[in-house]
Amino acid sequence: MGNSAEHVPIIRMRTPRNAAHVERSLLTLVKTGINAIAAGAGESLDPNFRPNVVDSFDFTIQRQLSHRLTLELGYIGRRITHEYQPININAVPHMMTIGGQKFSSAYASIMTQLGCLGNVAACGGAIPSKTKTVNNVTSDNPAYTAYFNGLTPQPFFENSVNSGYCKGTFAGVAFTSCTAAVAANEAGNFTGQAVWSLWSDLDNGAFKFARSMMNTPVNCPTGSEIGCSGQLSSGVAVSRKLNRNRVTSRPSRSGPIPPTNIAEPPCWTV
């Protein structure tokens, strides 16, 4: 996605006053692909893209049995070829398995322990406040850390998060597991059910493996580098997949039959 800098000519303009500025600007322009580009529909640039074709057909037989009774039997069908199926290639890889556990299972387990699955309104209701006030003095609340330390460790987080992240503390109390560190630091995303934001935060240095999201910074040690906004600014990258065909049919007086021959989207594994 994007062009490498080595394929784009760099024009250097030098004058006594603006030489450095112009050179920096041109160097920024050639960083295509790692400069927070916005996503757009790519099919308009694809010479092989073709719109889908829909063929509809029906067949009906009617028979008058008497002057008061008529019998009708019908069939309605539709055939779609070259069906357009947009796929977000910047989605959370929920099927990723580390430590013998999928991310989706680890996430669901934490959400269950936080009380989020049975009642959305009660999600995170048992989490203590992050601060406490005693004699008009407000400070961090150790009970907040203790609560998350009581969560059952999840193999995915225990094996995918780096040790530096797991050894953090809050209110002077150390996290006893990587799961506790993740749940405490990302409590807002858990209770808000913001899975994309949760993964994006962890993908920016907390995971042991390389970046897996296009919006994650490419190279940002000081915060001012060109790649600090990642490869994608909009958060959604849409690719396409064309199914060969899909056929749906139903009798005229009954419910629809589930479509057949629908390809599954590709899995993203690490």
C-alpha atoms as a PDB file:
ATOM      1  CA  MET A   1       0.000   0.000   0.000  1.00  0.00           C
ATOM      2  CA  GLY A   2       1.722   3.122  -1.171  1.00  0.00           C
ATOM      3  CA  ASN A   3       5.017   3.658  -2.981  1.00  0.00           C
ATOM      4  CA  SER A   4       8.467   3.255  -1.623  1.00  0.00           C
ATOM      5  CA  ALA A   5      10.577   6.394  -1.364  1.00  0.00           C
ATOM      6  CA  GLU A   6      13.261   4.906  -3.583  1.00  0.00           C
ATOM      7  CA  HIS A   7      10.866   4.918  -6.557  1.00  0.00           C
ATOM      8  CA  VAL A   8      10.000   8.604  -6.256  1.00  0.00           C
ATOM      9  CA  PRO A   9      12.548  11.223  -7.321  1.00  0.00           C
ATOM     10  CA  ILE A  10      13.616  13.726  -4.685  1.00  0.00           C
ATOM     11  CA  ILE A  11      14.041  17.238  -5.993  1.00  0.00           C
ATOM     12  CA  ARG A  12      16.242  19.367  -3.791  1.00  0.00           C
ATOM     13  CA  MET A  13      15.833  23.130  -4.034  1.00  0.00           C
ATOM     14  CA  ARG A  14      18.449  25.186  -2.356  1.00  0.00           C
ATOM     15  CA  THR A  15      18.297  28.887  -1.660  1.00  0.00           C
ATOM     16  CA  PRO A  16      19.996  30.684   1.231  1.00  0.00           C
ATOM     17  CA  ARG A  17      16.739  31.023   3.198  1.00  0.00           C
ATOM     18  CA  ASN A  18      14.486  28.101   2.421  1.00  0.00           C
ATOM     19  CA  ALA A  19      16.844  25.272   1.478  1.00  0.00           C
ATOM     20  CA  ALA A  20      16.364  23.239   4.649  1.00  0.00           C
ATOM     21  CA  HIS A  21      12.611  23.803   4.762  1.00  0.00           C
ATOM     22  CA  VAL A  22      12.025  22.781   1.137  1.00  0.00           C
ATOM     23  CA  GLU A  23      14.197  19.708   1.481  1.00  0.00           C
ATOM     24  CA  ARG A  24      12.296  18.551   4.587  1.00  0.00           C
ATOM     25  CA  SER A  25       8.971  19.146   2.829  1.00  0.00           C
ATOM     26  CA  LEU A  26       9.935  17.138  -0.229  1.00  0.00           C
ATOM     27  CA  LEU A  27      11.282  14.310   1.880  1.00  0.00           C
ATOM     28  CA  THR A  28       7.944  14.214   3.678  1.00  0.00           C
ATOM     29  CA  LEU A  29       6.063  13.935   0.401  1.00  0.00           C
ATOM     30  CA  VAL A  30       7.980  10.853  -0.733  1.00  0.00           C
ATOM     31  CA  LYS A  31       7.123   8.893   2.414  1.00  0.00           C
ATOM     32  CA  THR A  32       4.010   7.594   0.714  1.00  0.00           C
ATOM     33  CA  GLY A  33       2.517   4.626   2.565  1.00  0.00           C
ATOM     34  CA  ILE A  34       3.672   5.592   6.054  1.00  0.00           C
ATOM     35  CA  ASN A  35       2.328   9.093   6.296  1.00  0.00           C
ATOM     36  CA  ALA A  36      -1.159   8.744   7.781  1.00  0.00           C
ATOM     37  CA  ILE A  37      -2.876   8.342   4.444  1.00  0.00           C
ATOM     38  CA  ALA A  38      -6.674   8.180   4.336  1.00  0.00           C
ATOM     39  CA  ALA A  39      -8.466   5.109   3.035  1.00  0.00           C
ATOM     40  CA  GLY A  40     -10.573   5.271  -0.065  1.00  0.00           C
ATOM     41  CA  ALA A  41     -12.421   3.027  -2.466  1.00  0.00           C
ATOM     42  CA  GLY A  42      -9.831   1.260  -4.589  1.00  0.00           C
ATOM     43  CA  GLU A  43     -12.125  -0.449  -7.063  1.00  0.00           C
ATOM     44  CA  SER A  44     -12.304   2.691  -9.199  1.00  0.00           C
ATOM     45  CA  LEU A  45      -8.589   2.261  -9.952  1.00  0.00           C
ATOM     46  CA  ASP A  46      -8.736  -1.507 -10.512  1.00  0.00           C
ATOM     47  CA  PRO A  47      -8.841  -2.366 -14.240  1.00  0.00           C
ATOM     48  CA  ASN A  48     -10.081  -5.877 -13.365  1.00  0.00           C
ATOM     49  CA  PHE A  49     -13.010  -4.723 -11.256  1.00  0.00           C
ATOM     50  CA  ARG A  50     -16.427  -5.563 -12.617  1.00  0.00           C
ATOM     51  CA  PRO A  51     -19.821  -4.923 -11.044  1.00  0.00           C
ATOM     52  CA  ASN A  52     -21.987  -7.804  -9.973  1.00  0.00           C
ATOM     53  CA  VAL A  53     -24.646  -9.261 -12.229  1.00  0.00           C
ATOM     54  CA  VAL A  54     -28.069 -10.211 -10.903  1.00  0.00           C
ATOM     55  CA  ASP A  55     -30.439 -12.543 -12.748  1.00  0.00           C
ATOM     56  CA  SER A  56     -33.939 -12.884 -11.315  1.00  0.00           C
ATOM     57  CA  PHE A  57     -36.458 -15.464 -12.420  1.00  0.00           C
ATOM     58  CA  ASP A  58     -39.798 -16.802 -11.307  1.00  0.00           C
ATOM     59  CA  PHE A  59     -42.200 -19.556 -12.269  1.00  0.00           C
ATOM     60  CA  THR A  60     -45.872 -19.665 -11.315  1.00  0.00           C
ATOM     61  CA  ILE A  61     -48.655 -22.179 -11.973  1.00  0.00           C
ATOM     62  CA  GLN A  62     -52.259 -21.257 -11.239  1.00  0.00           C
ATOM     63  CA  ARG A  63     -55.212 -23.579 -11.383  1.00  0.00           C
ATOM     64  CA  GLN A  64     -58.856 -22.710 -10.807  1.00  0.00           C
ATOM     65  CA  LEU A  65     -60.430 -25.640  -9.054  1.00  0.00           C
ATOM     66  CA  SER A  66     -63.886 -24.142  -8.785  1.00  0.00           C
ATOM     67  CA  HIS A  67     -65.615 -20.821  -9.126  1.00  0.00           C
ATOM     68  CA  ARG A  68     -64.673 -20.109  -5.479  1.00  0.00           C
ATOM     69  CA  LEU A  69     -61.274 -21.845  -5.174  1.00  0.00           C
ATOM     70  CA  THR A  70     -57.978 -21.164  -6.944  1.00  0.00           C
ATOM     71  CA  LEU A  71     -54.633 -22.933  -6.343  1.00  0.00           C
ATOM     72  CA  GLU A  72     -51.376 -21.139  -7.094  1.00  0.00           C
ATOM     73  CA  LEU A  73     -47.842 -22.561  -6.850  1.00  0.00           C
ATOM     74  CA  GLY A  74     -44.850 -20.356  -7.488  1.00  0.00           C
ATOM     75  CA  TYR A  75     -41.056 -20.279  -7.369  1.00  0.00           C
ATOM     76  CA  ILE A  76     -38.870 -17.156  -7.149  1.00  0.00           C
ATOM     77  CA  GLY A  77     -35.102 -17.272  -7.650  1.00  0.00           C
ATOM     78  CA  ARG A  78     -32.156 -14.921  -7.978  1.00  0.00           C
ATOM     79  CA  ARG A  79     -28.613 -15.605  -9.164  1.00  0.00           C
ATOM     80  CA  ILE A  80     -25.750 -13.202  -8.418  1.00  0.00           C
ATOM     81  CA  THR A  81     -22.344 -13.433 -10.097  1.00  0.00           C
ATOM     82  CA  HIS A  82     -19.185 -11.448  -9.331  1.00  0.00           C
ATOM     83  CA  GLU A  83     -20.660 -10.318  -6.039  1.00  0.00           C
ATOM     84  CA  TYR A  84     -18.796  -7.451  -4.392  1.00  0.00           C
ATOM     85  CA  GLN A  85     -17.734  -8.200  -0.826  1.00  0.00           C
ATOM     86  CA  PRO A  86     -15.832  -5.408   0.970  1.00  0.00           C
ATOM     87  CA  ILE A  87     -13.416  -6.632   3.633  1.00  0.00           C
ATOM     88  CA  ASN A  88     -11.817  -4.426   6.280  1.00  0.00           C
ATOM     89  CA  ILE A  89      -8.147  -5.428   6.307  1.00  0.00           C
ATOM     90  CA  ASN A  90      -7.499  -3.183   9.304  1.00  0.00           C
ATOM     91  CA  ALA A  91      -9.850  -5.109  11.585  1.00  0.00           C
ATOM     92  CA  VAL A  92      -8.894  -6.607  14.947  1.00  0.00           C
ATOM     93  CA  PRO A  93      -7.502 -10.143  14.388  1.00  0.00           C
ATOM     94  CA  HIS A  94      -9.855 -11.637  16.946  1.00  0.00           C
ATOM     95  CA  MET A  95      -8.981 -15.190  15.900  1.00  0.00           C
ATOM     96  CA  MET A  96      -5.277 -14.790  16.763  1.00  0.00           C
ATOM     97  CA  THR A  97      -4.217 -17.610  19.089  1.00  0.00           C
ATOM     98  CA  ILE A  98      -1.338 -17.252  21.540  1.00  0.00           C
ATOM     99  CA  GLY A  99      -0.739 -19.408  24.588  1.00  0.00           C
ATOM    100  CA  GLY A 100      -3.398 -21.816  23.364  1.00  0.00           C
ATOM    101  CA  GLN A 101      -6.156 -19.175  23.602  1.00  0.00           C
ATOM    102  CA  LYS A 102      -7.814 -16.912  21.051  1.00  0.00           C
ATOM    103  CA  PHE A 103      -7.984 -13.203  21.705  1.00  0.00           C
ATOM    104  CA  SER A 104     -11.758 -13.370  21.422  1.00  0.00           C
ATOM    105  CA  SER A 105     -11.884 -15.922  24.251  1.00  0.00           C
ATOM    106  CA  ALA A 106      -9.588 -13.877  26.484  1.00  0.00           C
ATOM    107  CA  TYR A 107     -11.631 -10.751  25.834  1.00  0.00           C
ATOM    108  CA  ALA A 108     -14.918 -12.555  26.549  1.00  0.00           C
ATOM    109  CA  SER A 109     -13.557 -13.958  29.805  1.00  0.00           C
ATOM    110  CA  ILE A 110     -12.546 -10.528  31.100  1.00  0.00           C
ATOM    111  CA  MET A 111     -15.862  -9.037  30.030  1.00  0.00           C
ATOM    112  CA  THR A 112     -17.659 -11.795  31.910  1.00  0.00           C
ATOM    113  CA  GLN A 113     -15.654 -11.137  35.066  1.00  0.00           C
ATOM    114  CA  LEU A 114     -16.417  -7.434  34.774  1.00  0.00           C
ATOM    115  CA  GLY A 115     -20.120  -8.239  34.590  1.00  0.00           C
ATOM    116  CA  CYS A 116     -20.513  -6.930  31.062  1.00  0.00           C
ATOM    117  CA  LEU A 117     -22.131  -9.863  29.301  1.00  0.00           C
ATOM    118  CA  GLY A 118     -25.249 -10.328  31.391  1.00  0.00           C
ATOM    119  CA  ASN A 119     -26.156  -6.665  31.829  1.00  0.00           C
ATOM    120  CA  VAL A 120     -24.553  -3.906  29.770  1.00  0.00           C
ATOM    121  CA  ALA A 121     -25.729  -1.256  32.222  1.00  0.00           C
ATOM    122  CA  ALA A 122     -23.883  -3.043  35.036  1.00  0.00           C
ATOM    123  CA  CYS A 123     -20.667  -3.425  33.017  1.00  0.00           C
ATOM    124  CA  GLY A 124     -17.745  -2.554  35.290  1.00  0.00           C
ATOM    125  CA  GLY A 125     -20.054  -1.474  38.090  1.00  0.00           C
ATOM    126  CA  ALA A 126     -17.996  -3.333  40.689  1.00  0.00           C
ATOM    127  CA  ILE A 127     -14.718  -1.628  39.723  1.00  0.00           C
ATOM    128  CA  PRO A 128     -13.547   0.636  42.579  1.00  0.00           C
ATOM    129  CA  SER A 129     -12.847   4.279  41.889  1.00  0.00           C
ATOM    130  CA  LYS A 130      -9.326   5.069  40.704  1.00  0.00           C
ATOM    131  CA  THR A 131      -9.003   7.733  43.366  1.00  0.00           C
ATOM    132  CA  LYS A 132      -9.997   8.135  46.987  1.00  0.00           C
ATOM    133  CA  THR A 133     -10.437  11.222  49.126  1.00  0.00           C
ATOM    134  CA  VAL A 134      -9.470  11.277  52.793  1.00  0.00           C
ATOM    135  CA  ASN A 135      -9.561  14.517  54.799  1.00  0.00           C
ATOM    136  CA  ASN A 136     -10.003  16.473  51.572  1.00  0.00           C
ATOM    137  CA  VAL A 137      -6.879  14.908  50.121  1.00  0.00           C
ATOM    138  CA  THR A 138      -7.314  12.935  46.887  1.00  0.00           C
ATOM    139  CA  SER A 139      -4.916  10.135  45.977  1.00  0.00           C
ATOM    140  CA  ASP A 140      -4.794   6.987  43.870  1.00  0.00           C
ATOM    141  CA  ASN A 141      -6.866   4.134  45.252  1.00  0.00           C
ATOM    142  CA  PRO A 142      -4.975   0.862  45.897  1.00  0.00           C
ATOM    143  CA  ALA A 143      -8.316  -0.978  45.812  1.00  0.00           C
ATOM    144  CA  TYR A 144      -8.477  -0.250  42.090  1.00  0.00           C
ATOM    145  CA  THR A 145      -5.325  -2.279  41.449  1.00  0.00           C
ATOM    146  CA  ALA A 146      -6.379  -4.991  43.891  1.00  0.00           C
ATOM    147  CA  TYR A 147      -9.649  -5.475  42.023  1.00  0.00           C
ATOM    148  CA  PHE A 148      -7.923  -6.180  38.715  1.00  0.00           C
ATOM    149  CA  ASN A 149      -5.337  -8.376  40.401  1.00  0.00           C
ATOM    150  CA  GLY A 150      -8.262 -10.581  41.380  1.00  0.00           C
ATOM    151  CA  LEU A 151      -9.165 -11.328  37.746  1.00  0.00           C
ATOM    152  CA  THR A 152      -8.352 -14.768  36.400  1.00  0.00           C
ATOM    153  CA  PRO A 153      -5.199 -14.575  34.229  1.00  0.00           C
ATOM    154  CA  GLN A 154      -5.827 -15.246  30.552  1.00  0.00           C
ATOM    155  CA  PRO A 155      -3.208 -17.262  28.602  1.00  0.00           C
ATOM    156  CA  PHE A 156      -3.442 -14.963  25.584  1.00  0.00           C
ATOM    157  CA  PHE A 157      -2.420 -11.860  27.516  1.00  0.00           C
ATOM    158  CA  GLU A 158       0.076 -13.715  29.695  1.00  0.00           C
ATOM    159  CA  ASN A 159       1.977 -14.851  26.613  1.00  0.00           C
ATOM    160  CA  SER A 160       1.498 -11.938  24.220  1.00  0.00           C
ATOM    161  CA  VAL A 161       2.181  -8.857  26.380  1.00  0.00           C
ATOM    162  CA  ASN A 162       5.770  -7.834  27.129  1.00  0.00           C
ATOM    163  CA  SER A 163       7.105  -8.058  30.661  1.00  0.00           C
ATOM    164  CA  GLY A 164       7.742  -4.328  31.002  1.00  0.00           C
ATOM    165  CA  TYR A 165       4.058  -3.612  30.533  1.00  0.00           C
ATOM    166  CA  CYS A 166       3.056  -6.350  32.980  1.00  0.00           C
ATOM    167  CA  LYS A 167       5.365  -5.104  35.737  1.00  0.00           C
ATOM    168  CA  GLY A 168       3.592  -1.781  36.031  1.00  0.00           C
ATOM    169  CA  THR A 169       2.015  -0.425  39.206  1.00  0.00           C
ATOM    170  CA  PHE A 170      -0.885   1.746  40.235  1.00  0.00           C
ATOM    171  CA  ALA A 171      -1.316   3.460  43.599  1.00  0.00           C
ATOM    172  CA  GLY A 172       1.891   1.786  44.740  1.00  0.00           C
ATOM    173  CA  VAL A 173       0.494  -1.700  44.134  1.00  0.00           C
ATOM    174  CA  ALA A 174       2.129  -3.890  41.488  1.00  0.00           C
ATOM    175  CA  PHE A 175       0.096  -5.835  38.968  1.00  0.00           C
ATOM    176  CA  THR A 176       0.258  -9.566  39.681  1.00  0.00           C
ATOM    177  CA  SER A 177      -0.356 -10.643  36.078  1.00  0.00           C
ATOM    178  CA  CYS A 178      -0.300  -9.347  32.542  1.00  0.00           C
ATOM    179  CA  THR A 179      -4.065  -9.780  32.446  1.00  0.00           C
ATOM    180  CA  ALA A 180      -4.437  -7.474  35.439  1.00  0.00           C
ATOM    181  CA  ALA A 181      -2.208  -4.849  33.800  1.00  0.00           C
ATOM    182  CA  VAL A 182      -4.168  -4.977  30.540  1.00  0.00           C
ATOM    183  CA  ALA A 183      -7.568  -4.862  32.239  1.00  0.00           C
ATOM    184  CA  ALA A 184      -6.593  -1.987  34.548  1.00  0.00           C
ATOM    185  CA  ASN A 185      -4.928   0.146  31.885  1.00  0.00           C
ATOM    186  CA  GLU A 186      -7.680  -0.519  29.336  1.00  0.00           C
ATOM    187  CA  ALA A 187     -10.637  -0.556  31.729  1.00  0.00           C
ATOM    188  CA  GLY A 188     -12.412   2.187  29.806  1.00  0.00           C
ATOM    189  CA  ASN A 189     -12.167   0.287  26.527  1.00  0.00           C
ATOM    190  CA  PHE A 190     -13.370  -2.924  28.173  1.00  0.00           C
ATOM    191  CA  THR A 191     -16.394  -1.358  29.822  1.00  0.00           C
ATOM    192  CA  GLY A 192     -17.070   0.707  26.707  1.00  0.00           C
ATOM    193  CA  GLN A 193     -16.732  -2.432  24.571  1.00  0.00           C
ATOM    194  CA  ALA A 194     -14.297  -0.580  22.312  1.00  0.00           C
ATOM    195  CA  VAL A 195     -12.414  -3.603  20.985  1.00  0.00           C
ATOM    196  CA  TRP A 196     -10.703  -1.744  18.126  1.00  0.00           C
ATOM    197  CA  SER A 197      -9.350   0.935  20.480  1.00  0.00           C
ATOM    198  CA  LEU A 198      -8.280  -1.711  22.999  1.00  0.00           C
ATOM    199  CA  TRP A 199      -6.268  -3.625  20.427  1.00  0.00           C
ATOM    200  CA  SER A 200      -4.826  -0.462  18.892  1.00  0.00           C
ATOM    201  CA  ASP A 201      -3.501   0.648  22.293  1.00  0.00           C
ATOM    202  CA  LEU A 202      -1.847  -2.707  22.961  1.00  0.00           C
ATOM    203  CA  ASP A 203      -0.522  -2.916  19.402  1.00  0.00           C
ATOM    204  CA  ASN A 204       1.465   0.254  20.024  1.00  0.00           C
ATOM    205  CA  GLY A 205       4.298  -1.310  22.033  1.00  0.00           C
ATOM    206  CA  ALA A 206       2.571  -3.566  24.561  1.00  0.00           C
ATOM    207  CA  PHE A 207       2.505  -6.735  22.491  1.00  0.00           C
ATOM    208  CA  LYS A 208       5.604  -8.873  21.998  1.00  0.00           C
ATOM    209  CA  PHE A 209       4.900  -9.370  18.307  1.00  0.00           C
ATOM    210  CA  ALA A 210       5.263  -6.778  15.549  1.00  0.00           C
ATOM    211  CA  ARG A 211       2.565  -4.227  14.819  1.00  0.00           C
ATOM    212  CA  SER A 212      -0.547  -5.790  13.340  1.00  0.00           C
ATOM    213  CA  MET A 213      -2.718  -2.722  12.648  1.00  0.00           C
ATOM    214  CA  MET A 214      -2.224  -0.236   9.848  1.00  0.00           C
ATOM    215  CA  ASN A 215      -3.001   2.685  12.162  1.00  0.00           C
ATOM    216  CA  THR A 216      -0.220   1.714  14.595  1.00  0.00           C
ATOM    217  CA  PRO A 217       2.863   3.982  14.413  1.00  0.00           C
ATOM    218  CA  VAL A 218       5.562   2.638  12.141  1.00  0.00           C
ATOM    219  CA  ASN A 219       8.553   4.341  13.691  1.00  0.00           C
ATOM    220  CA  CYS A 220       7.929   6.921  16.389  1.00  0.00           C
ATOM    221  CA  PRO A 221      10.653   7.054  19.074  1.00  0.00           C
ATOM    222  CA  THR A 222      10.300  10.773  19.797  1.00  0.00           C
ATOM    223  CA  GLY A 223       6.757  11.510  18.625  1.00  0.00           C
ATOM    224  CA  SER A 224       7.733  13.748  15.724  1.00  0.00           C
ATOM    225  CA  GLU A 225       8.659  11.183  13.055  1.00  0.00           C
ATOM    226  CA  ILE A 226       6.739  10.847   9.801  1.00  0.00           C
ATOM    227  CA  GLY A 227       5.418   7.386  10.662  1.00  0.00           C
ATOM    228  CA  CYS A 228       3.904   8.375  14.022  1.00  0.00           C
ATOM    229  CA  SER A 229       0.379   8.243  12.616  1.00  0.00           C
ATOM    230  CA  GLY A 230       0.829   4.827  11.082  1.00  0.00           C
ATOM    231  CA  GLN A 231      -0.084   3.934   7.528  1.00  0.00           C
ATOM    232  CA  LEU A 232      -3.749   4.766   7.803  1.00  0.00           C
ATOM    233  CA  SER A 233      -5.495   7.707   9.379  1.00  0.00           C
ATOM    234  CA  SER A 234      -9.133   6.710   8.953  1.00  0.00           C
ATOM    235  CA  GLY A 235      -8.941   3.398  10.807  1.00  0.00           C
ATOM    236  CA  VAL A 236     -10.692   1.389   8.094  1.00  0.00           C
ATOM    237  CA  ALA A 237      -8.974  -0.157   5.089  1.00  0.00           C
ATOM    238  CA  VAL A 238     -11.340  -1.777   2.638  1.00  0.00           C
ATOM    239  CA  SER A 239     -10.260  -4.504   0.288  1.00  0.00           C
ATOM    240  CA  ARG A 240     -12.547  -6.450  -1.969  1.00  0.00           C
ATOM    241  CA  LYS A 241     -13.280 -10.052  -2.730  1.00  0.00           C
ATOM    242  CA  LEU A 242     -15.399 -11.339  -5.602  1.00  0.00           C
ATOM    243  CA  ASN A 243     -17.415 -14.490  -5.103  1.00  0.00           C
ATOM    244  CA  ARG A 244     -18.025 -16.540  -8.181  1.00  0.00           C
ATOM    245  CA  ASN A 245     -21.734 -16.783  -7.653  1.00  0.00           C
ATOM    246  CA  ARG A 246     -24.490 -16.822  -5.107  1.00  0.00           C
ATOM    247  CA  VAL A 247     -27.893 -18.309  -5.567  1.00  0.00           C
ATOM    248  CA  THR A 248     -30.906 -17.534  -3.410  1.00  0.00           C
ATOM    249  CA  SER A 249     -34.298 -19.010  -3.937  1.00  0.00           C
ATOM    250  CA  ARG A 250     -37.534 -19.401  -2.099  1.00  0.00           C
ATOM    251  CA  PRO A 251     -41.037 -20.675  -2.657  1.00  0.00           C
ATOM    252  CA  SER A 252     -43.396 -17.791  -3.230  1.00  0.00           C
ATOM    253  CA  ARG A 253     -45.307 -18.373   0.022  1.00  0.00           C
ATOM    254  CA  SER A 254     -42.563 -19.274   2.460  1.00  0.00           C
ATOM    255  CA  GLY A 255     -39.515 -17.683   4.095  1.00  0.00           C
ATOM    256  CA  PRO A 256     -36.151 -17.217   2.349  1.00  0.00           C
ATOM    257  CA  ILE A 257     -33.652 -20.033   2.060  1.00  0.00           C
ATOM    258  CA  PRO A 258     -30.166 -19.148   3.389  1.00  0.00           C
ATOM    259  CA  PRO A 259     -27.743 -18.176   0.597  1.00  0.00           C
ATOM    260  CA  THR A 260     -25.241 -20.773  -0.551  1.00  0.00           C
ATOM    261  CA  ASN A 261     -21.679 -20.645  -1.833  1.00  0.00           C
ATOM    262  CA  ILE A 262     -20.690 -17.510   0.093  1.00  0.00           C
ATOM    263  CA  ALA A 263     -16.939 -17.355   0.644  1.00  0.00           C
ATOM    264  CA  GLU A 264     -15.617 -16.617   4.123  1.00  0.00           C
ATOM    265  CA  PRO A 265     -13.357 -13.559   4.595  1.00  0.00           C
ATOM    266  CA  PRO A 266      -9.673 -14.374   4.964  1.00  0.00           C
ATOM    267  CA  CYS A 267      -8.218 -14.832   8.436  1.00  0.00           C
ATOM    268  CA  TRP A 268      -5.283 -12.722   9.576  1.00  0.00           C
ATOM    269  CA  THR A 269      -2.873 -14.746  11.682  1.00  0.00           C
ATOM    270  CA  VAL A 270       0.456 -13.939  13.287  1.00  0.00           C
END
